[in-house]
Amino acid sequence: MGPACVASGQLSAAGVVETIAVKSRNPCCATLHLIVGQRGWRMNTVLRKMLFVDLIKGLKVTFRNQDPKEVITEQYPLQRPQVAERFRGAPRLNNNPDTNETLCISCDLCALACPENLIVVSSERNPNTRRKELTEFTYDLSRCMFCGLCEDACPVDALELTQDFEMANYSREGLVWNRETLEKGPQPNPYRR
């Protein structure tokens, strides 16, 4: 009721206003209302708590969604999830399939493109061929954000981010991969029941 309304009525023993005659200047506001008093509201709250109405409503929603046809839980170690085609995971240093030599030409473009400066490329110049040969390649996975800039910068596609995602380790030293580890790729532990 607004400030222009005046109400009159009777209170019953239960605390409920039986009738309220509303006198107002506005004819829309002149209606009869049945208003629940304070005791009635408290009784309603107590009954709802005693009968666990909210709990039953919640369990109804839960059991409605427990249809076994719609279960989407993956049994992870035994069933491998499908990885998206564009997923960028563990890095790999590719080798030439014919000669089994690394494709890396030690240009150091991947290290320059990396925003985290986590790639270290070391090389020596071969006196016979006068070409740079890769001696050491270090990749720190603990700081990598898998952005793919190193992969894009490589002119000969020697560095590749694969779809392997199991790279967990117990120490940070295990997350610094050298050339041999990058050429082999991650070796996940086989899980058996």
C-alpha atoms as a PDB file:
ATOM      1  CA  MET A   1       0.000   0.000   0.000  1.00  0.00           C
ATOM      2  CA  GLY A   2       1.220   3.439  -0.839  1.00  0.00           C
ATOM      3  CA  PRO A   3       1.202   6.467   1.412  1.00  0.00           C
ATOM      4  CA  ALA A   4      -2.231   7.469   0.154  1.00  0.00           C
ATOM      5  CA  CYS A   5      -3.845   4.182   1.298  1.00  0.00           C
ATOM      6  CA  VAL A   6      -5.378   3.584   4.719  1.00  0.00           C
ATOM      7  CA  ALA A   7      -6.155   0.036   5.861  1.00  0.00           C
ATOM      8  CA  SER A   8      -8.498  -1.262   8.506  1.00  0.00           C
ATOM      9  CA  GLY A   9      -9.215  -4.867   9.474  1.00  0.00           C
ATOM     10  CA  GLN A  10      -9.440  -7.445  12.217  1.00  0.00           C
ATOM     11  CA  LEU A  11      -6.776  -9.800  13.514  1.00  0.00           C
ATOM     12  CA  SER A  12      -7.868 -13.322  14.267  1.00  0.00           C
ATOM     13  CA  ALA A  13      -6.378 -15.533  16.979  1.00  0.00           C
ATOM     14  CA  ALA A  14      -4.000 -17.188  14.471  1.00  0.00           C
ATOM     15  CA  GLY A  15      -2.499 -13.851  13.581  1.00  0.00           C
ATOM     16  CA  VAL A  16      -3.992 -13.667  10.097  1.00  0.00           C
ATOM     17  CA  VAL A  17      -5.687 -10.512   8.943  1.00  0.00           C
ATOM     18  CA  GLU A  18      -9.117 -11.664   7.824  1.00  0.00           C
ATOM     19  CA  THR A  19     -10.221  -8.687   5.821  1.00  0.00           C
ATOM     20  CA  ILE A  20      -8.732  -5.382   5.059  1.00  0.00           C
ATOM     21  CA  ALA A  21     -10.813  -2.637   3.686  1.00  0.00           C
ATOM     22  CA  VAL A  22      -8.590  -0.363   1.721  1.00  0.00           C
ATOM     23  CA  LYS A  23      -9.656   3.220   1.351  1.00  0.00           C
ATOM     24  CA  SER A  24      -7.683   5.035  -1.226  1.00  0.00           C
ATOM     25  CA  ARG A  25      -7.870   8.014  -3.487  1.00  0.00           C
ATOM     26  CA  ASN A  26      -6.888   5.714  -6.356  1.00  0.00           C
ATOM     27  CA  PRO A  27      -9.801   3.370  -7.302  1.00  0.00           C
ATOM     28  CA  CYS A  28      -7.377   0.630  -8.541  1.00  0.00           C
ATOM     29  CA  CYS A  29      -5.935   0.296  -5.071  1.00  0.00           C
ATOM     30  CA  ALA A  30      -9.336  -0.156  -3.406  1.00  0.00           C
ATOM     31  CA  THR A  31      -9.448  -3.968  -3.148  1.00  0.00           C
ATOM     32  CA  LEU A  32      -9.829  -6.549  -0.446  1.00  0.00           C
ATOM     33  CA  HIS A  33      -6.702  -8.505   0.453  1.00  0.00           C
ATOM     34  CA  LEU A  34      -6.011 -11.539   2.565  1.00  0.00           C
ATOM     35  CA  ILE A  35      -2.560 -11.151   4.062  1.00  0.00           C
ATOM     36  CA  VAL A  36      -0.752 -13.889   5.902  1.00  0.00           C
ATOM     37  CA  GLY A  37       0.490 -12.644   9.236  1.00  0.00           C
ATOM     38  CA  GLN A  38       3.821 -13.321  10.900  1.00  0.00           C
ATOM     39  CA  ARG A  39       2.746 -16.539  12.652  1.00  0.00           C
ATOM     40  CA  GLY A  40       1.388 -18.137   9.482  1.00  0.00           C
ATOM     41  CA  TRP A  41       4.608 -17.388   7.642  1.00  0.00           C
ATOM     42  CA  ARG A  42       6.680 -18.913  10.446  1.00  0.00           C
ATOM     43  CA  MET A  43       4.532 -22.073  10.485  1.00  0.00           C
ATOM     44  CA  ASN A  44       4.974 -22.457   6.742  1.00  0.00           C
ATOM     45  CA  THR A  45       8.772 -22.177   7.100  1.00  0.00           C
ATOM     46  CA  VAL A  46       8.884 -24.673   9.963  1.00  0.00           C
ATOM     47  CA  LEU A  47       6.781 -27.212   8.044  1.00  0.00           C
ATOM     48  CA  ARG A  48       9.004 -26.856   4.973  1.00  0.00           C
ATOM     49  CA  LYS A  49      12.086 -27.510   7.102  1.00  0.00           C
ATOM     50  CA  MET A  50      10.544 -30.478   8.940  1.00  0.00           C
ATOM     51  CA  LEU A  51       9.314 -32.161   5.763  1.00  0.00           C
ATOM     52  CA  PHE A  52      12.582 -31.499   3.846  1.00  0.00           C
ATOM     53  CA  VAL A  53      10.708 -29.953   0.922  1.00  0.00           C
ATOM     54  CA  ASP A  54      13.814 -28.325  -0.587  1.00  0.00           C
ATOM     55  CA  LEU A  55      15.829 -31.540  -0.221  1.00  0.00           C
ATOM     56  CA  ILE A  56      13.131 -33.553  -1.953  1.00  0.00           C
ATOM     57  CA  LYS A  57      12.980 -31.024  -4.798  1.00  0.00           C
ATOM     58  CA  GLY A  58      16.748 -31.230  -5.237  1.00  0.00           C
ATOM     59  CA  LEU A  59      16.767 -35.032  -5.194  1.00  0.00           C
ATOM     60  CA  LYS A  60      13.983 -35.046  -7.759  1.00  0.00           C
ATOM     61  CA  VAL A  61      16.159 -33.017 -10.141  1.00  0.00           C
ATOM     62  CA  THR A  62      19.143 -35.304  -9.446  1.00  0.00           C
ATOM     63  CA  PHE A  63      17.301 -38.560 -10.073  1.00  0.00           C
ATOM     64  CA  ARG A  64      15.631 -37.166 -13.174  1.00  0.00           C
ATOM     65  CA  ASN A  65      19.103 -36.656 -14.703  1.00  0.00           C
ATOM     66  CA  GLN A  66      20.460 -40.093 -13.684  1.00  0.00           C
ATOM     67  CA  ASP A  67      19.339 -41.877 -16.852  1.00  0.00           C
ATOM     68  CA  PRO A  68      22.042 -44.469 -17.691  1.00  0.00           C
ATOM     69  CA  LYS A  69      21.685 -43.741 -21.421  1.00  0.00           C
ATOM     70  CA  GLU A  70      23.126 -40.260 -20.906  1.00  0.00           C
ATOM     71  CA  VAL A  71      26.211 -41.159 -18.831  1.00  0.00           C
ATOM     72  CA  ILE A  72      29.248 -39.382 -20.277  1.00  0.00           C
ATOM     73  CA  THR A  73      31.914 -40.345 -17.735  1.00  0.00           C
ATOM     74  CA  GLU A  74      35.187 -41.477 -19.318  1.00  0.00           C
ATOM     75  CA  GLN A  75      37.125 -44.307 -17.687  1.00  0.00           C
ATOM     76  CA  TYR A  76      40.329 -42.360 -18.314  1.00  0.00           C
ATOM     77  CA  PRO A  77      43.352 -44.592 -17.967  1.00  0.00           C
ATOM     78  CA  LEU A  78      41.675 -47.499 -19.710  1.00  0.00           C
ATOM     79  CA  GLN A  79      39.780 -45.518 -22.355  1.00  0.00           C
ATOM     80  CA  ARG A  80      41.726 -42.685 -23.983  1.00  0.00           C
ATOM     81  CA  PRO A  81      39.746 -39.536 -24.783  1.00  0.00           C
ATOM     82  CA  GLN A  82      39.492 -38.256 -28.324  1.00  0.00           C
ATOM     83  CA  VAL A  83      41.712 -35.226 -28.737  1.00  0.00           C
ATOM     84  CA  ALA A  84      40.720 -32.361 -31.021  1.00  0.00           C
ATOM     85  CA  GLU A  85      42.571 -32.132 -34.313  1.00  0.00           C
ATOM     86  CA  ARG A  86      44.029 -28.701 -33.553  1.00  0.00           C
ATOM     87  CA  PHE A  87      45.172 -29.609 -30.020  1.00  0.00           C
ATOM     88  CA  ARG A  88      48.760 -28.574 -29.253  1.00  0.00           C
ATOM     89  CA  GLY A  89      50.476 -30.885 -26.805  1.00  0.00           C
ATOM     90  CA  ALA A  90      53.949 -32.295 -26.262  1.00  0.00           C
ATOM     91  CA  PRO A  91      56.684 -31.003 -28.601  1.00  0.00           C
ATOM     92  CA  ARG A  92      58.592 -33.317 -30.914  1.00  0.00           C
ATOM     93  CA  LEU A  93      61.774 -32.805 -32.923  1.00  0.00           C
ATOM     94  CA  ASN A  94      61.181 -34.529 -36.263  1.00  0.00           C
ATOM     95  CA  ASN A  95      63.732 -36.674 -38.051  1.00  0.00           C
ATOM     96  CA  ASN A  96      64.202 -37.306 -41.759  1.00  0.00           C
ATOM     97  CA  PRO A  97      62.596 -40.734 -42.401  1.00  0.00           C
ATOM     98  CA  ASP A  98      65.191 -41.654 -45.073  1.00  0.00           C
ATOM     99  CA  THR A  99      68.428 -40.817 -43.238  1.00  0.00           C
ATOM    100  CA  ASN A 100      67.116 -40.746 -39.641  1.00  0.00           C
ATOM    101  CA  GLU A 101      68.899 -37.424 -39.080  1.00  0.00           C
ATOM    102  CA  THR A 102      67.228 -34.461 -37.467  1.00  0.00           C
ATOM    103  CA  LEU A 103      65.500 -31.985 -39.741  1.00  0.00           C
ATOM    104  CA  CYS A 104      66.636 -29.070 -37.564  1.00  0.00           C
ATOM    105  CA  ILE A 105      69.077 -26.746 -39.361  1.00  0.00           C
ATOM    106  CA  SER A 106      69.966 -24.825 -36.159  1.00  0.00           C
ATOM    107  CA  CYS A 107      68.612 -21.534 -37.436  1.00  0.00           C
ATOM    108  CA  ASP A 108      67.451 -20.561 -33.913  1.00  0.00           C
ATOM    109  CA  LEU A 109      64.196 -19.048 -35.232  1.00  0.00           C
ATOM    110  CA  CYS A 110      62.086 -21.141 -32.841  1.00  0.00           C
ATOM    111  CA  ALA A 111      64.013 -19.769 -29.864  1.00  0.00           C
ATOM    112  CA  LEU A 112      63.582 -16.203 -31.133  1.00  0.00           C
ATOM    113  CA  ALA A 113      59.846 -16.682 -31.713  1.00  0.00           C
ATOM    114  CA  CYS A 114      59.194 -18.146 -28.267  1.00  0.00           C
ATOM    115  CA  PRO A 115      57.724 -15.455 -25.952  1.00  0.00           C
ATOM    116  CA  GLU A 116      58.889 -17.352 -22.845  1.00  0.00           C
ATOM    117  CA  ASN A 117      62.511 -17.872 -23.991  1.00  0.00           C
ATOM    118  CA  LEU A 118      62.412 -21.540 -23.042  1.00  0.00           C
ATOM    119  CA  ILE A 119      64.111 -23.041 -26.114  1.00  0.00           C
ATOM    120  CA  VAL A 120      67.899 -23.287 -26.207  1.00  0.00           C
ATOM    121  CA  VAL A 121      69.557 -24.321 -29.488  1.00  0.00           C
ATOM    122  CA  SER A 122      73.294 -25.017 -29.649  1.00  0.00           C
ATOM    123  CA  SER A 123      75.154 -25.801 -32.844  1.00  0.00           C
ATOM    124  CA  GLU A 124      78.626 -26.209 -34.344  1.00  0.00           C
ATOM    125  CA  ARG A 125      79.757 -25.483 -37.850  1.00  0.00           C
ATOM    126  CA  ASN A 126      80.974 -28.543 -39.729  1.00  0.00           C
ATOM    127  CA  PRO A 127      84.356 -27.705 -41.318  1.00  0.00           C
ATOM    128  CA  ASN A 128      83.793 -30.058 -44.262  1.00  0.00           C
ATOM    129  CA  THR A 129      80.301 -29.022 -45.316  1.00  0.00           C
ATOM    130  CA  ARG A 130      80.409 -25.562 -43.722  1.00  0.00           C
ATOM    131  CA  ARG A 131      76.859 -26.130 -42.441  1.00  0.00           C
ATOM    132  CA  LYS A 132      75.631 -25.723 -38.910  1.00  0.00           C
ATOM    133  CA  GLU A 133      74.948 -28.992 -37.142  1.00  0.00           C
ATOM    134  CA  LEU A 134      72.716 -29.311 -34.115  1.00  0.00           C
ATOM    135  CA  THR A 135      74.566 -30.297 -30.952  1.00  0.00           C
ATOM    136  CA  GLU A 136      72.035 -29.538 -28.234  1.00  0.00           C
ATOM    137  CA  PHE A 137      68.317 -28.720 -28.196  1.00  0.00           C
ATOM    138  CA  THR A 138      66.618 -28.004 -24.857  1.00  0.00           C
ATOM    139  CA  TYR A 139      62.898 -27.363 -24.367  1.00  0.00           C
ATOM    140  CA  ASP A 140      61.542 -26.351 -20.928  1.00  0.00           C
ATOM    141  CA  LEU A 141      57.951 -27.609 -20.668  1.00  0.00           C
ATOM    142  CA  SER A 142      57.404 -26.148 -17.195  1.00  0.00           C
ATOM    143  CA  ARG A 143      57.193 -22.649 -18.689  1.00  0.00           C
ATOM    144  CA  CYS A 144      55.642 -23.507 -22.078  1.00  0.00           C
ATOM    145  CA  MET A 145      52.162 -22.151 -22.812  1.00  0.00           C
ATOM    146  CA  PHE A 146      51.743 -24.247 -25.995  1.00  0.00           C
ATOM    147  CA  CYS A 147      51.051 -21.242 -28.203  1.00  0.00           C
ATOM    148  CA  GLY A 148      52.604 -22.824 -31.306  1.00  0.00           C
ATOM    149  CA  LEU A 149      54.749 -19.831 -32.299  1.00  0.00           C
ATOM    150  CA  CYS A 150      57.909 -21.975 -32.319  1.00  0.00           C
ATOM    151  CA  GLU A 151      56.205 -24.465 -34.618  1.00  0.00           C
ATOM    152  CA  ASP A 152      55.133 -21.709 -37.023  1.00  0.00           C
ATOM    153  CA  ALA A 153      58.593 -20.112 -37.094  1.00  0.00           C
ATOM    154  CA  CYS A 154      60.439 -23.304 -38.102  1.00  0.00           C
ATOM    155  CA  PRO A 155      61.213 -23.119 -41.862  1.00  0.00           C
ATOM    156  CA  VAL A 156      61.758 -26.891 -42.267  1.00  0.00           C
ATOM    157  CA  ASP A 157      58.991 -28.205 -39.958  1.00  0.00           C
ATOM    158  CA  ALA A 158      61.511 -29.780 -37.609  1.00  0.00           C
ATOM    159  CA  LEU A 159      59.628 -28.781 -34.458  1.00  0.00           C
ATOM    160  CA  GLU A 160      56.062 -29.968 -34.035  1.00  0.00           C
ATOM    161  CA  LEU A 161      53.506 -29.808 -31.224  1.00  0.00           C
ATOM    162  CA  THR A 162      51.858 -33.232 -31.182  1.00  0.00           C
ATOM    163  CA  GLN A 163      48.565 -34.417 -29.712  1.00  0.00           C
ATOM    164  CA  ASP A 164      50.246 -36.170 -26.775  1.00  0.00           C
ATOM    165  CA  PHE A 165      48.947 -34.740 -23.520  1.00  0.00           C
ATOM    166  CA  GLU A 166      50.402 -37.009 -20.816  1.00  0.00           C
ATOM    167  CA  MET A 167      53.406 -35.019 -19.622  1.00  0.00           C
ATOM    168  CA  ALA A 168      52.973 -35.188 -15.851  1.00  0.00           C
ATOM    169  CA  ASN A 169      56.129 -35.511 -13.774  1.00  0.00           C
ATOM    170  CA  TYR A 170      57.132 -35.608 -10.125  1.00  0.00           C
ATOM    171  CA  SER A 171      59.952 -33.070 -10.507  1.00  0.00           C
ATOM    172  CA  ARG A 172      60.607 -29.930 -12.498  1.00  0.00           C
ATOM    173  CA  GLU A 173      63.829 -31.386 -13.814  1.00  0.00           C
ATOM    174  CA  GLY A 174      61.767 -33.979 -15.694  1.00  0.00           C
ATOM    175  CA  LEU A 175      60.001 -31.191 -17.575  1.00  0.00           C
ATOM    176  CA  VAL A 176      63.206 -29.971 -19.240  1.00  0.00           C
ATOM    177  CA  TRP A 177      63.491 -32.118 -22.362  1.00  0.00           C
ATOM    178  CA  ASN A 178      66.748 -32.579 -24.233  1.00  0.00           C
ATOM    179  CA  ARG A 179      67.243 -33.534 -27.870  1.00  0.00           C
ATOM    180  CA  GLU A 180      66.867 -37.296 -27.326  1.00  0.00           C
ATOM    181  CA  THR A 181      63.625 -36.923 -25.389  1.00  0.00           C
ATOM    182  CA  LEU A 182      62.222 -34.558 -28.013  1.00  0.00           C
ATOM    183  CA  GLU A 183      63.022 -37.008 -30.807  1.00  0.00           C
ATOM    184  CA  LYS A 184      61.443 -39.982 -28.982  1.00  0.00           C
ATOM    185  CA  GLY A 185      58.439 -38.086 -27.646  1.00  0.00           C
ATOM    186  CA  PRO A 186      56.718 -38.668 -24.303  1.00  0.00           C
ATOM    187  CA  GLN A 187      56.544 -42.260 -23.126  1.00  0.00           C
ATOM    188  CA  PRO A 188      53.260 -42.617 -21.172  1.00  0.00           C
ATOM    189  CA  ASN A 189      52.967 -45.295 -18.509  1.00  0.00           C
ATOM    190  CA  PRO A 190      50.713 -48.180 -19.550  1.00  0.00           C
ATOM    191  CA  TYR A 191      47.801 -48.671 -17.142  1.00  0.00           C
ATOM    192  CA  ARG A 192      46.382 -52.109 -16.492  1.00  0.00           C
ATOM    193  CA  ARG A 193      43.626 -53.376 -14.234  1.00  0.00           C
END
